[in-house]
Amino acid sequence: AASSALVQAARAGRTGMLIMLVQAGVPLTSTDAFGLSSLHAAAAAGHTMTALALLRHGCDASRCHNGANVIQAAMAAGHHATARAMLGVMNTPTTLTLIS
């Protein structure tokens, strides 16, 4: 399904494809069969540009998967630069809770 394609594009770092899917109407709230969001997939895989594109399109950064938010998912996978970049574009009241 299209929602699964969004997560797969994010996991693979295919930012162009992801943007096309979003512009075609695939909801940013889409998840795969395991409940993984596209933002979590991009963050955990270290695809910084893809994660930033999702955030700029309005993806919810406060959402958790298996108890981890997107910043924690990136950090746990060793993608510290991706976590820092996401924090740099996030200007929400939840930013402080995302890093604690």
Protein backbone atom coordinates (compact mmCIF):
# COMPACT_ATOMS: atom_id res chain seq x y z
CA ALA A 1 0.00 0.00 0.00
CA ALA A 2 1.00 3.63 -0.35
CA SER A 3 1.56 4.06 3.39
CA SER A 4 4.06 1.21 3.39
CA ALA A 5 5.74 2.76 0.33
CA LEU A 6 6.22 5.99 2.27
CA VAL A 7 8.02 4.18 5.09
CA GLN A 8 10.09 2.16 2.61
CA ALA A 9 11.14 5.33 0.77
CA ALA A 10 12.14 6.92 4.08
CA ARG A 11 14.08 3.83 5.20
CA ALA A 12 15.97 3.83 1.89
CA GLY A 13 16.65 7.58 1.96
CA ARG A 14 14.70 8.16 -1.24
CA THR A 15 13.73 11.73 -0.46
CA GLY A 16 12.45 12.55 -3.95
CA MET A 17 10.13 9.54 -3.99
CA LEU A 18 8.95 10.34 -0.48
CA ILE A 19 8.08 13.92 -1.42
CA MET A 20 6.19 12.68 -4.49
CA LEU A 21 4.15 10.30 -2.30
CA VAL A 22 3.36 13.07 0.19
CA GLN A 23 2.35 15.44 -2.60
CA ALA A 24 0.14 12.67 -4.02
CA GLY A 25 -1.74 12.61 -0.72
CA VAL A 26 -0.16 9.79 1.26
CA PRO A 27 -0.64 10.85 4.90
CA LEU A 28 2.44 11.66 6.95
CA THR A 29 0.85 9.64 9.75
CA SER A 30 1.22 6.46 7.70
CA THR A 31 3.03 3.53 9.28
CA ASP A 32 4.24 0.14 8.13
CA ALA A 33 2.88 -3.19 9.36
CA PHE A 34 4.92 -2.84 12.55
CA GLY A 35 3.73 0.68 13.37
CA LEU A 36 6.98 2.34 12.26
CA SER A 37 6.52 5.87 10.90
CA SER A 38 8.41 7.26 7.94
CA LEU A 39 10.21 9.75 10.21
CA HIS A 40 11.33 6.99 12.57
CA ALA A 41 12.52 4.91 9.61
CA ALA A 42 14.55 7.79 8.17
CA ALA A 43 16.00 8.76 11.57
CA ALA A 44 16.98 5.22 12.55
CA ALA A 45 18.63 4.69 9.15
CA GLY A 46 20.56 7.97 9.39
CA HIS A 47 18.99 9.56 6.32
CA THR A 48 19.30 13.15 7.46
CA MET A 49 17.93 14.87 4.34
CA THR A 50 14.92 12.56 4.25
CA ALA A 51 14.19 13.14 7.94
CA LEU A 52 14.49 16.89 7.48
CA ALA A 53 12.16 16.81 4.47
CA LEU A 54 9.58 14.95 6.54
CA LEU A 55 9.86 17.46 9.38
CA ARG A 56 9.52 20.36 6.96
CA HIS A 57 6.38 18.76 5.51
CA GLY A 58 4.88 18.65 9.01
CA CYS A 59 5.66 15.16 10.26
CA ASP A 60 5.01 14.72 14.00
CA ALA A 61 8.39 14.50 15.73
CA SER A 62 6.89 13.80 19.13
CA ARG A 63 5.44 10.44 18.12
CA CYS A 64 7.07 7.40 19.72
CA HIS A 65 7.69 3.89 18.40
CA ASN A 66 8.59 1.13 20.86
CA GLY A 67 9.07 3.79 23.52
CA ALA A 68 11.53 5.90 21.51
CA ASN A 69 10.96 9.22 19.81
CA VAL A 70 12.75 10.08 16.56
CA ILE A 71 15.71 11.75 18.26
CA GLN A 72 16.23 8.74 20.50
CA ALA A 73 15.86 6.39 17.52
CA ALA A 74 18.59 8.22 15.60
CA MET A 75 20.88 8.36 18.65
CA ALA A 76 20.38 4.67 19.48
CA ALA A 77 21.38 3.75 15.93
CA GLY A 78 24.51 5.89 16.19
CA HIS A 79 23.27 8.63 13.86
CA HIS A 80 24.15 11.60 16.05
CA ALA A 81 24.45 14.02 13.12
CA THR A 82 20.92 13.14 12.01
CA ALA A 83 19.63 13.71 15.55
CA ARG A 84 21.38 17.10 15.74
CA ALA A 85 20.06 18.14 12.33
CA MET A 86 16.50 17.22 13.31
CA LEU A 87 16.81 19.18 16.54
CA GLY A 88 18.07 22.12 14.50
CA VAL A 89 14.87 22.36 12.45
CA MET A 90 12.46 21.52 15.23
CA ASN A 91 11.07 24.63 16.80
CA THR A 92 8.36 23.20 19.00
CA PRO A 93 7.65 23.05 22.72
CA THR A 94 8.37 19.31 22.60
CA THR A 95 12.02 19.80 21.65
CA LEU A 96 13.13 19.78 25.27
CA THR A 97 11.29 16.55 26.04
CA LEU A 98 12.67 14.90 22.90
CA ILE A 99 16.23 15.15 24.13
CA SER A 100 15.59 14.10 27.74
